[in-house]
Amino acid sequence: MTSSVDSPKPGLTISVQGEDLDQQGRGIARWNGWVITVPELIPGEDASVQLLQRQRRLWHGKKIKSIKPSPDARRPPCILAQTCGGCTLQHISVNAQNQWKQEHLKATLLRIGGVTTLAGPLISPEDESLGYRNRALIPIQRGEGGLRLGYYRRGSHRIVNLNHCPVLDPRLDALIEPIKNDLALTDWPMDSDLRGEPGLRHLGLRIGVRTGQILISLVAATDHLPGLDRLTAEWMQRWPQLKGVTLNVQPKRSNTVIGEQTLCIQGDDVIEENFCGLSLQLGTTTFFQVNTTRAEQVVTMIRDWIHASAPSANVIDAYCGIGTIALPLAASGLNVVGLEINRDSVIQAQENAQRNGLEKVCFLDGDVAEHLEQLLPNHQALVVDPPRKGLAPAVLQMILAIPPAFLIYLSCDPATLARDLQQLAGPDGPYRIEQIKPVDFFPQTSHLECLVMMIRVSSAVPPRTA
């Protein structure tokens, strides 16, 4: 127990009560005017905490023991939850996770963007909070203690060895241990960080949730892995649902996981997925939402809202990727143009459009802002699905300069969404928010996606001063 005269220093043990969670899912507490972040600390929980490290007016600590548990605490469904960095909220009940995400979104939108429109209920059925991931890229390392395969320990680059991962689709989860055992019997060098001899770096698994087709991808720093053909042929015989094995070559010492070259070792280099009634082909490097059910729900909401608001609208899908949104919209009868800077994604989108016989959609690669300048005057609806950093400044300014009648924003970060909404739907912005729908693509983590539907109320955008 400490007194008010205690000054914070590393190693000091204090008693705190959890007040909130930060964006990484760590508990937040206050003590003697200091903010303390503590993994595993739950709002409402009284705990004994040891201070570890100071960062300006913030201290990082670790929980020593729970003095008074929170009613929202639960036993994590994964035995590695306390160490693995893949999930951060497994120790909290699903209902409490959902409540925190809802409150966090509301507070962030108000604090950063001045948004007072209330969000709808979080879309996150409790019975779908596990087994939802259709893809995994798992680091591998071989050392004195044998082969380690798993995600990184929180706050470190040390692999937490695992045989199972409950957030993975069970059909993928069942492959981890046997594949790991087979890899351990090879003499290949293995190091995800490429600190030694070039060898295996990551294990990639992908499944078509609706088709059951599986693709195994080995990511290595070299294409010289003796015995690879024999081992992968055994896998093809062992698992009938396995449609192919690929080898992705990533020889660079960098944080980039996937390299530019992918070799097909066995079977096919793509699998089929049925998505919103369409047949899509997915490969090793294809970006596709890891939660198929949530992605279908979001696309359905976008499609239904456009048809209800502007059934004859010409639609732009910016940051379209392989056409996850654009293709179903075109299949529903809308004229759609997809914009994407990644040429490979555009090629995949075009192939999937042809595969499904869709003629009312086209895809353009290149700078999104430049394409918008040409397209916005003749299109009534715009869908944007930007990366975590939000809309690029040039894209945002182009929307403000030529605002389409209907704007749909799918965000994967509440903070950058709030920042962009401040200009799009603030007092001087051209839009009114019609609906805000938070969608939980990543249960057991602190990540949250949000769909915002907006209608233009003014086409006259006042000049902004720097």
Protein backbone atom coordinates (compact mmCIF):
# COMPACT_ATOMS: atom_id res chain seq x y z
CA MET A 1 0.00 0.00 0.00
CA THR A 2 1.32 3.48 -0.83
CA SER A 3 0.70 6.94 0.56
CA SER A 4 0.11 10.21 -1.22
CA VAL A 5 3.71 11.27 -0.57
CA ASP A 6 5.09 8.41 -2.65
CA SER A 7 6.77 9.64 -5.83
CA PRO A 8 6.51 7.45 -8.92
CA LYS A 9 9.59 5.46 -9.80
CA PRO A 10 10.21 2.20 -11.66
CA GLY A 11 9.43 -0.78 -9.46
CA LEU A 12 7.02 1.06 -7.18
CA THR A 13 3.86 -0.95 -6.40
CA ILE A 14 0.63 1.01 -6.09
CA SER A 15 -3.12 0.36 -5.81
CA VAL A 16 -5.32 1.72 -8.60
CA GLN A 17 -8.79 1.37 -10.07
CA GLY A 18 -9.30 0.88 -13.80
CA GLU A 19 -11.23 3.77 -15.36
CA ASP A 20 -11.12 3.15 -19.12
CA LEU A 21 -9.22 1.43 -21.93
CA ASP A 22 -6.82 3.04 -24.38
CA GLN A 23 -6.76 2.42 -28.13
CA GLN A 24 -4.50 -0.60 -27.63
CA GLY A 25 -6.93 -2.17 -25.15
CA ARG A 26 -4.76 -1.46 -22.10
CA GLY A 27 -6.44 -0.38 -18.88
CA ILE A 28 -6.18 3.28 -17.86
CA ALA A 29 -5.93 4.36 -14.22
CA ARG A 30 -4.96 7.55 -12.38
CA TRP A 31 -2.72 7.86 -9.35
CA ASN A 32 -1.34 11.02 -7.70
CA GLY A 33 -2.04 13.05 -10.84
CA TRP A 34 -0.39 10.51 -13.14
CA VAL A 35 -2.03 8.44 -15.89
CA ILE A 36 -1.09 4.76 -15.69
CA THR A 37 -1.62 2.27 -18.54
CA VAL A 38 -1.83 -1.38 -17.50
CA PRO A 39 -2.43 -4.42 -19.74
CA GLU A 40 -5.21 -6.70 -18.45
CA LEU A 41 -6.63 -3.98 -16.14
CA ILE A 42 -10.41 -3.69 -16.60
CA PRO A 43 -12.55 -0.61 -15.93
CA GLY A 44 -14.02 -0.94 -12.44
CA GLU A 45 -11.31 -3.33 -11.25
CA ASP A 46 -9.16 -2.55 -8.18
CA ALA A 47 -5.66 -3.93 -8.64
CA SER A 48 -2.12 -3.86 -7.36
CA VAL A 49 0.13 -2.48 -10.10
CA GLN A 50 3.89 -2.14 -10.45
CA LEU A 51 5.24 0.88 -12.32
CA LEU A 52 7.62 0.02 -15.15
CA GLN A 53 8.49 2.98 -17.33
CA ARG A 54 7.64 6.68 -17.60
CA GLN A 55 6.69 8.34 -20.89
CA ARG A 56 6.22 12.08 -20.31
CA ARG A 57 3.13 12.42 -18.07
CA LEU A 58 2.29 8.77 -18.54
CA TRP A 59 3.47 5.65 -16.74
CA HIS A 60 3.32 2.10 -18.05
CA GLY A 61 2.74 -0.61 -15.48
CA LYS A 62 1.92 -4.27 -15.06
CA LYS A 63 -0.81 -5.83 -12.96
CA ILE A 64 0.51 -7.77 -9.98
CA LYS A 65 -2.82 -9.01 -8.68
CA SER A 66 -6.51 -8.17 -8.74
CA ILE A 67 -7.80 -6.82 -5.42
CA LYS A 68 -11.43 -6.42 -6.46
CA PRO A 69 -12.26 -7.96 -9.85
CA SER A 70 -14.55 -6.27 -12.33
CA PRO A 71 -17.89 -7.99 -13.03
CA ASP A 72 -16.91 -7.76 -16.72
CA ALA A 73 -13.86 -10.00 -16.25
CA ARG A 74 -13.84 -13.49 -17.72
CA ARG A 75 -11.43 -16.34 -18.34
CA PRO A 76 -9.97 -15.75 -21.81
CA PRO A 77 -10.94 -18.39 -24.38
CA CYS A 78 -7.26 -18.62 -25.43
CA ILE A 79 -4.63 -19.91 -22.99
CA LEU A 80 -2.07 -17.51 -24.50
CA ALA A 81 -4.23 -14.40 -24.23
CA GLN A 82 -2.12 -12.78 -21.51
CA THR A 83 1.09 -12.91 -23.56
CA CYS A 84 0.13 -13.06 -27.24
CA GLY A 85 -0.20 -9.70 -28.95
CA GLY A 86 -2.81 -10.87 -31.44
CA CYS A 87 -5.80 -10.10 -29.18
CA THR A 88 -6.04 -7.54 -26.39
CA LEU A 89 -9.59 -7.84 -25.00
CA GLN A 90 -10.14 -11.56 -24.47
CA HIS A 91 -10.13 -11.08 -20.69
CA ILE A 92 -13.26 -8.91 -20.97
CA SER A 93 -16.78 -10.22 -21.63
CA VAL A 94 -18.06 -9.75 -25.17
CA ASN A 95 -20.89 -7.49 -23.96
CA ALA A 96 -18.40 -5.26 -22.14
CA GLN A 97 -16.13 -5.18 -25.20
CA ASN A 98 -19.05 -4.04 -27.33
CA GLN A 99 -20.11 -1.40 -24.83
CA TRP A 100 -16.59 0.02 -24.62
CA LYS A 101 -16.27 0.17 -28.41
CA GLN A 102 -19.59 1.99 -28.66
CA GLU A 103 -18.62 4.53 -25.99
CA HIS A 104 -15.12 4.96 -27.42
CA LEU A 105 -16.55 5.72 -30.87
CA LYS A 106 -19.03 8.23 -29.46
CA ALA A 107 -16.34 10.02 -27.41
CA THR A 108 -13.84 10.09 -30.28
CA LEU A 109 -16.31 11.45 -32.82
CA LEU A 110 -17.38 14.20 -30.43
CA ARG A 111 -13.92 15.14 -29.13
CA ILE A 112 -12.11 15.25 -32.48
CA GLY A 113 -14.86 15.87 -35.01
CA GLY A 114 -17.59 17.61 -33.02
CA VAL A 115 -20.00 14.92 -34.26
CA THR A 116 -23.16 14.69 -32.17
CA THR A 117 -25.11 12.28 -34.39
CA LEU A 118 -25.70 9.12 -32.38
CA ALA A 119 -24.31 5.89 -33.77
CA GLY A 120 -26.54 2.89 -34.18
CA PRO A 121 -26.00 -0.32 -32.18
CA LEU A 122 -22.71 -2.11 -32.71
CA ILE A 123 -23.00 -4.90 -35.26
CA SER A 124 -21.28 -7.78 -33.45
CA PRO A 125 -23.27 -10.95 -32.69
CA GLU A 126 -21.82 -12.60 -29.58
CA ASP A 127 -21.85 -16.07 -31.13
CA GLU A 128 -19.48 -14.83 -33.89
CA SER A 129 -16.79 -13.41 -31.63
CA LEU A 130 -14.46 -16.39 -32.22
CA GLY A 131 -13.47 -18.36 -35.31
CA TYR A 132 -14.08 -15.41 -37.62
CA ARG A 133 -10.68 -14.81 -39.27
CA ASN A 134 -10.36 -16.18 -42.80
CA ARG A 135 -6.64 -15.47 -43.05
CA ALA A 136 -3.47 -15.62 -40.95
CA LEU A 137 0.19 -14.69 -41.49
CA ILE A 138 2.16 -16.24 -38.64
CA PRO A 139 5.86 -15.53 -37.92
CA ILE A 140 8.25 -18.48 -37.58
CA GLN A 141 11.61 -18.83 -35.87
CA ARG A 142 13.92 -21.78 -35.24
CA GLY A 143 16.34 -21.55 -32.31
CA GLU A 144 17.98 -23.56 -29.57
CA GLY A 145 14.61 -24.37 -28.08
CA GLY A 146 13.25 -25.68 -31.37
CA LEU A 147 10.73 -24.17 -33.75
CA ARG A 148 8.54 -21.32 -32.53
CA LEU A 149 5.46 -20.37 -34.54
CA GLY A 150 3.08 -17.69 -33.32
CA TYR A 151 2.35 -14.00 -32.97
CA TYR A 152 4.60 -11.53 -31.19
CA ARG A 153 4.46 -10.97 -27.45
CA ARG A 154 2.90 -7.62 -26.56
CA GLY A 155 5.38 -4.80 -26.83
CA SER A 156 8.18 -7.04 -28.13
CA HIS A 157 9.45 -8.94 -31.14
CA ARG A 158 9.52 -12.27 -29.32
CA ILE A 159 7.28 -14.98 -30.74
CA VAL A 160 4.70 -16.55 -28.43
CA ASN A 161 4.68 -20.21 -29.45
CA LEU A 162 1.19 -21.53 -30.30
CA ASN A 163 -0.53 -24.60 -31.68
CA HIS A 164 -4.05 -23.14 -31.86
CA CYS A 165 -5.66 -19.73 -32.36
CA PRO A 166 -9.38 -19.52 -31.43
CA VAL A 167 -10.10 -16.40 -33.51
CA LEU A 168 -9.12 -18.26 -36.69
CA ASP A 169 -11.68 -20.13 -38.75
CA PRO A 170 -11.64 -23.60 -37.12
CA ARG A 171 -10.72 -25.19 -40.44
CA LEU A 172 -7.53 -23.12 -40.53
CA ASP A 173 -6.87 -23.53 -36.82
CA ALA A 174 -6.82 -27.31 -37.26
CA LEU A 175 -3.89 -27.01 -39.69
CA ILE A 176 -1.49 -25.05 -37.49
CA GLU A 177 -0.18 -27.85 -35.31
CA PRO A 178 0.35 -30.51 -38.03
CA ILE A 179 2.01 -27.99 -40.37
CA LYS A 180 4.22 -26.81 -37.51
CA ASN A 181 5.24 -30.40 -36.74
CA ASP A 182 6.11 -31.02 -40.39
CA LEU A 183 8.17 -27.83 -40.64
CA ALA A 184 10.07 -28.78 -37.49
CA LEU A 185 11.27 -31.96 -39.24
CA THR A 186 12.87 -30.04 -42.11
CA ASP A 187 16.38 -28.62 -41.98
CA TRP A 188 15.35 -25.23 -43.37
CA PRO A 189 16.58 -22.10 -41.59
CA MET A 190 13.63 -20.22 -40.11
CA ASP A 191 13.62 -16.65 -38.86
CA SER A 192 10.88 -14.10 -39.50
CA ASP A 193 13.39 -11.29 -38.88
CA LEU A 194 16.00 -12.70 -41.29
CA ARG A 195 18.89 -12.33 -38.84
CA GLY A 196 20.71 -15.43 -40.07
CA GLU A 197 20.78 -17.69 -43.11
CA PRO A 198 17.90 -17.04 -45.56
CA GLY A 199 15.01 -19.42 -44.98
CA LEU A 200 11.36 -19.60 -43.98
CA ARG A 201 9.83 -16.47 -42.41
CA HIS A 202 6.02 -16.78 -42.16
CA LEU A 203 3.22 -19.31 -42.55
CA GLY A 204 0.22 -18.00 -44.47
CA LEU A 205 -3.23 -19.61 -44.30
CA ARG A 206 -6.34 -18.49 -46.19
CA ILE A 207 -9.81 -20.02 -46.54
CA GLY A 208 -12.86 -19.30 -48.62
CA VAL A 209 -15.39 -19.27 -45.80
CA ARG A 210 -18.32 -20.14 -48.07
CA THR A 211 -16.46 -22.67 -50.24
CA GLY A 212 -14.13 -24.29 -47.70
CA GLN A 213 -11.22 -24.03 -50.13
CA ILE A 214 -7.84 -23.48 -48.44
CA LEU A 215 -4.58 -21.96 -49.67
CA ILE A 216 -1.31 -22.44 -47.78
CA SER A 217 1.43 -19.89 -48.44
CA LEU A 218 4.98 -20.15 -47.17
CA VAL A 219 6.85 -16.83 -47.04
CA ALA A 220 10.62 -17.24 -47.29
CA ALA A 221 13.73 -15.20 -48.00
CA THR A 222 14.76 -17.71 -50.67
CA ASP A 223 13.18 -20.08 -53.16
CA HIS A 224 15.72 -22.78 -52.26
CA LEU A 225 13.99 -25.01 -49.71
CA PRO A 226 15.12 -28.62 -50.31
CA GLY A 227 12.25 -31.10 -50.07
CA LEU A 228 9.55 -28.45 -50.49
CA ASP A 229 7.89 -30.25 -53.42
CA ARG A 230 7.71 -33.55 -51.53
CA LEU A 231 6.33 -32.01 -48.32
CA THR A 232 3.69 -29.88 -50.05
CA ALA A 233 2.60 -32.85 -52.20
CA GLU A 234 1.98 -34.74 -48.94
CA TRP A 235 -0.16 -31.84 -47.71
CA MET A 236 -2.23 -31.92 -50.89
CA GLN A 237 -2.89 -35.63 -50.37
CA ARG A 238 -3.61 -35.26 -46.66
CA TRP A 239 -6.14 -32.41 -46.86
CA PRO A 240 -8.69 -32.63 -49.73
CA GLN A 241 -9.90 -29.08 -49.04
CA LEU A 242 -6.39 -27.75 -49.77
CA LYS A 243 -6.46 -26.29 -53.29
CA GLY A 244 -2.87 -25.13 -53.51
CA VAL A 245 0.44 -24.26 -51.88
CA THR A 246 2.44 -21.19 -52.86
CA LEU A 247 5.87 -19.84 -51.97
CA ASN A 248 6.16 -16.09 -51.60
CA VAL A 249 9.73 -14.77 -51.74
CA GLN A 250 10.53 -11.81 -49.46
CA PRO A 251 14.34 -11.46 -49.17
CA LYS A 252 14.42 -7.93 -47.74
CA ARG A 253 15.21 -7.18 -44.10
CA SER A 254 12.16 -5.02 -43.50
CA ASN A 255 8.74 -5.01 -41.84
CA THR A 256 7.15 -5.91 -45.17
CA VAL A 257 5.78 -9.42 -44.77
CA ILE A 258 4.78 -10.28 -48.34
CA GLY A 259 7.22 -10.04 -51.24
CA GLU A 260 6.63 -9.25 -54.89
CA GLN A 261 7.24 -12.78 -56.26
CA THR A 262 4.85 -15.68 -55.60
CA LEU A 263 5.53 -19.18 -56.95
CA CYS A 264 2.86 -21.88 -57.23
CA ILE A 265 4.32 -25.07 -55.73
CA GLN A 266 1.29 -27.39 -55.75
CA GLY A 267 -2.25 -27.18 -57.12
CA ASP A 268 -3.70 -23.74 -57.79
CA ASP A 269 -2.40 -20.37 -56.64
CA VAL A 270 -5.93 -19.06 -55.95
CA ILE A 271 -9.02 -20.18 -54.11
CA GLU A 272 -12.66 -19.36 -54.76
CA GLU A 273 -14.89 -17.48 -52.34
CA ASN A 274 -18.62 -16.82 -52.67
CA PHE A 275 -19.18 -13.24 -51.55
CA CYS A 276 -22.50 -11.40 -51.78
CA GLY A 277 -23.64 -13.89 -54.39
CA LEU A 278 -20.50 -13.48 -56.51
CA SER A 279 -17.58 -15.80 -57.19
CA LEU A 280 -14.26 -14.18 -56.27
CA GLN A 281 -10.75 -15.53 -56.67
CA LEU A 282 -8.31 -14.87 -53.83
CA GLY A 283 -4.57 -15.44 -53.95
CA THR A 284 -1.60 -15.17 -51.62
CA THR A 285 -1.25 -11.41 -51.95
CA THR A 286 -4.94 -10.51 -52.35
CA PHE A 287 -6.24 -8.00 -49.81
CA PHE A 288 -9.66 -9.19 -48.63
CA GLN A 289 -11.44 -8.43 -45.38
CA VAL A 290 -10.53 -11.07 -42.77
CA ASN A 291 -14.11 -11.22 -41.46
CA THR A 292 -16.25 -12.42 -44.36
CA THR A 293 -19.59 -12.19 -42.55
CA ARG A 294 -19.04 -8.59 -41.42
CA ALA A 295 -17.83 -7.57 -44.88
CA GLU A 296 -20.99 -8.96 -46.46
CA GLN A 297 -23.13 -7.10 -43.92
CA VAL A 298 -21.38 -3.80 -44.67
CA VAL A 299 -21.65 -4.20 -48.45
CA THR A 300 -25.33 -5.06 -48.10
CA MET A 301 -25.93 -1.91 -46.03
CA ILE A 302 -24.11 0.25 -48.59
CA ARG A 303 -26.03 -1.30 -51.49
CA ASP A 304 -29.42 -0.96 -49.78
CA TRP A 305 -28.80 2.66 -48.77
CA ILE A 306 -27.78 3.74 -52.27
CA HIS A 307 -30.78 1.98 -53.82
CA ALA A 308 -33.12 3.63 -51.31
CA SER A 309 -31.55 7.09 -51.64
CA ALA A 310 -30.45 7.24 -55.28
CA PRO A 311 -31.41 4.09 -57.22
CA SER A 312 -30.24 5.53 -60.56
CA ALA A 313 -26.97 7.01 -59.26
CA ASN A 314 -23.64 6.52 -60.97
CA VAL A 315 -21.27 5.36 -58.22
CA ILE A 316 -17.55 5.77 -57.57
CA ASP A 317 -15.83 3.29 -55.25
CA ALA A 318 -12.56 4.90 -54.13
CA TYR A 319 -9.79 2.80 -52.57
CA CYS A 320 -11.67 -0.14 -54.09
CA GLY A 321 -9.03 -2.88 -53.75
CA ILE A 322 -10.16 -5.98 -55.65
CA GLY A 323 -13.72 -4.64 -55.91
CA THR A 324 -15.21 -6.02 -52.70
CA ILE A 325 -17.75 -3.19 -52.69
CA ALA A 326 -17.83 -2.21 -56.37
CA LEU A 327 -18.62 -5.67 -57.74
CA PRO A 328 -21.73 -6.34 -55.59
CA LEU A 329 -22.97 -2.81 -56.31
CA ALA A 330 -22.61 -3.45 -60.04
CA ALA A 331 -24.34 -6.81 -59.66
CA SER A 332 -27.31 -4.97 -58.14
CA GLY A 333 -27.71 -2.87 -61.31
CA LEU A 334 -25.69 0.24 -60.43
CA ASN A 335 -23.09 1.76 -62.76
CA VAL A 336 -19.82 1.73 -60.81
CA VAL A 337 -16.25 2.95 -61.31
CA GLY A 338 -13.62 1.55 -58.95
CA LEU A 339 -10.45 3.54 -58.18
CA GLU A 340 -7.32 1.93 -56.74
CA ILE A 341 -3.64 2.88 -56.76
CA ASN A 342 -2.44 -0.75 -56.60
CA ARG A 343 -2.26 -2.09 -60.14
CA ASP A 344 -2.31 -5.75 -59.08
CA SER A 345 -5.56 -5.21 -57.17
CA VAL A 346 -7.13 -3.55 -60.21
CA ILE A 347 -6.16 -6.51 -62.39
CA GLN A 348 -7.77 -8.90 -59.88
CA ALA A 349 -10.89 -6.72 -59.76
CA GLN A 350 -11.17 -6.74 -63.55
CA GLU A 351 -10.72 -10.51 -63.67
CA ASN A 352 -13.42 -11.02 -61.02
CA ALA A 353 -15.78 -8.70 -62.91
CA GLN A 354 -15.28 -10.75 -66.07
CA ARG A 355 -15.62 -13.98 -64.10
CA ASN A 356 -19.08 -12.89 -62.92
CA GLY A 357 -20.19 -11.38 -66.23
CA LEU A 358 -20.48 -7.86 -64.81
CA GLU A 359 -20.52 -5.18 -67.52
CA LYS A 360 -21.67 -2.15 -65.49
CA VAL A 361 -18.36 -1.76 -63.65
CA CYS A 362 -14.87 -0.65 -64.62
CA PHE A 363 -11.67 -0.19 -62.64
CA LEU A 364 -8.98 2.46 -62.95
CA ASP A 365 -5.55 2.38 -61.36
CA GLY A 366 -3.57 5.44 -60.33
CA ASP A 367 -3.94 8.44 -58.06
CA VAL A 368 -7.45 8.53 -56.56
CA ALA A 369 -7.59 12.33 -56.28
CA GLU A 370 -6.73 12.82 -59.96
CA HIS A 371 -9.43 10.38 -61.05
CA LEU A 372 -11.98 12.04 -58.75
CA GLU A 373 -11.40 15.41 -60.39
CA GLN A 374 -12.52 13.95 -63.71
CA LEU A 375 -15.29 11.66 -62.43
CA LEU A 376 -17.07 13.54 -59.63
CA PRO A 377 -19.00 15.97 -61.88
CA ASN A 378 -20.78 13.02 -63.53
CA HIS A 379 -21.30 10.74 -60.53
CA GLN A 380 -23.90 11.17 -57.81
CA ALA A 381 -22.60 8.77 -55.15
CA LEU A 382 -19.12 8.19 -53.76
CA VAL A 383 -17.98 5.32 -51.54
CA VAL A 384 -14.62 5.72 -49.79
CA ASP A 385 -12.83 2.94 -47.90
CA PRO A 386 -9.46 4.51 -47.03
CA PRO A 387 -6.61 2.95 -45.01
CA ARG A 388 -6.19 3.59 -41.28
CA LYS A 389 -4.68 7.04 -41.87
CA GLY A 390 -7.99 8.19 -43.38
CA LEU A 391 -8.59 10.20 -46.54
CA ALA A 392 -5.50 11.55 -48.26
CA PRO A 393 -5.53 15.38 -48.06
CA ALA A 394 -5.83 15.70 -51.84
CA VAL A 395 -8.79 13.31 -51.89
CA LEU A 396 -10.55 15.16 -49.06
CA GLN A 397 -10.06 18.52 -50.78
CA MET A 398 -11.39 17.14 -54.05
CA ILE A 399 -14.55 15.87 -52.34
CA LEU A 400 -15.03 19.27 -50.71
CA ALA A 401 -14.50 21.04 -54.02
CA ILE A 402 -16.90 18.80 -56.00
CA PRO A 403 -19.16 17.18 -53.39
CA PRO A 404 -21.33 14.37 -54.81
CA ALA A 405 -24.92 14.15 -53.63
CA PHE A 406 -24.29 11.01 -51.55
CA LEU A 407 -21.14 10.07 -49.65
CA ILE A 408 -20.51 6.74 -47.88
CA TYR A 409 -17.40 6.51 -45.69
CA LEU A 410 -16.17 3.15 -44.39
CA SER A 411 -13.51 3.77 -41.75
CA CYS A 412 -11.14 1.46 -39.88
CA ASP A 413 -10.03 4.12 -37.39
CA PRO A 414 -12.46 6.30 -35.37
CA ALA A 415 -9.87 9.07 -34.86
CA THR A 416 -9.12 9.69 -38.54
CA LEU A 417 -12.81 9.29 -39.34
CA ALA A 418 -13.64 12.02 -36.81
CA ARG A 419 -10.95 14.27 -38.27
CA ASP A 420 -12.36 13.89 -41.79
CA LEU A 421 -15.98 14.28 -40.66
CA GLN A 422 -15.10 17.61 -39.04
CA GLN A 423 -14.60 19.00 -42.54
CA LEU A 424 -17.13 16.91 -44.42
CA ALA A 425 -20.07 17.26 -42.03
CA GLY A 426 -19.04 20.08 -39.71
CA PRO A 427 -20.68 23.53 -39.61
CA ASP A 428 -18.94 24.56 -42.85
CA GLY A 429 -19.06 21.18 -44.54
CA PRO A 430 -21.32 20.18 -47.43
CA TYR A 431 -22.82 17.08 -45.78
CA ARG A 432 -25.36 16.00 -43.20
CA ILE A 433 -24.80 12.67 -41.49
CA GLU A 434 -27.77 10.37 -42.02
CA GLN A 435 -26.54 7.20 -40.32
CA ILE A 436 -23.56 5.96 -38.35
CA LYS A 437 -23.19 2.19 -38.09
CA PRO A 438 -20.28 0.78 -36.06
CA VAL A 439 -19.24 -2.69 -37.19
CA ASP A 440 -16.99 -5.03 -35.20
CA PHE A 441 -14.75 -6.70 -37.78
CA PHE A 442 -12.22 -7.75 -35.10
CA PRO A 443 -13.84 -9.11 -31.91
CA GLN A 444 -11.40 -9.66 -29.00
CA THR A 445 -9.35 -6.63 -30.15
CA SER A 446 -9.69 -2.87 -29.71
CA HIS A 447 -10.09 -2.24 -33.45
CA LEU A 448 -13.41 -0.92 -34.74
CA GLU A 449 -14.75 -0.13 -38.20
CA CYS A 450 -17.54 2.35 -38.83
CA LEU A 451 -19.85 3.04 -41.74
CA VAL A 452 -21.15 6.60 -42.18
CA MET A 453 -23.80 7.58 -44.72
CA MET A 454 -24.04 11.27 -45.66
CA ILE A 455 -26.27 13.43 -47.87
CA ARG A 456 -25.13 16.71 -49.42
CA VAL A 457 -26.94 19.75 -48.05
CA SER A 458 -24.83 22.39 -49.79
CA SER A 459 -22.65 22.41 -52.88
CA ALA A 460 -21.13 25.76 -51.99
CA VAL A 461 -18.05 25.07 -49.91
CA PRO A 462 -16.54 28.22 -48.34
CA PRO A 463 -12.79 28.70 -48.78
CA ARG A 464 -10.67 27.45 -45.91
CA THR A 465 -7.82 29.42 -44.46
CA ALA A 466 -4.58 27.76 -43.45
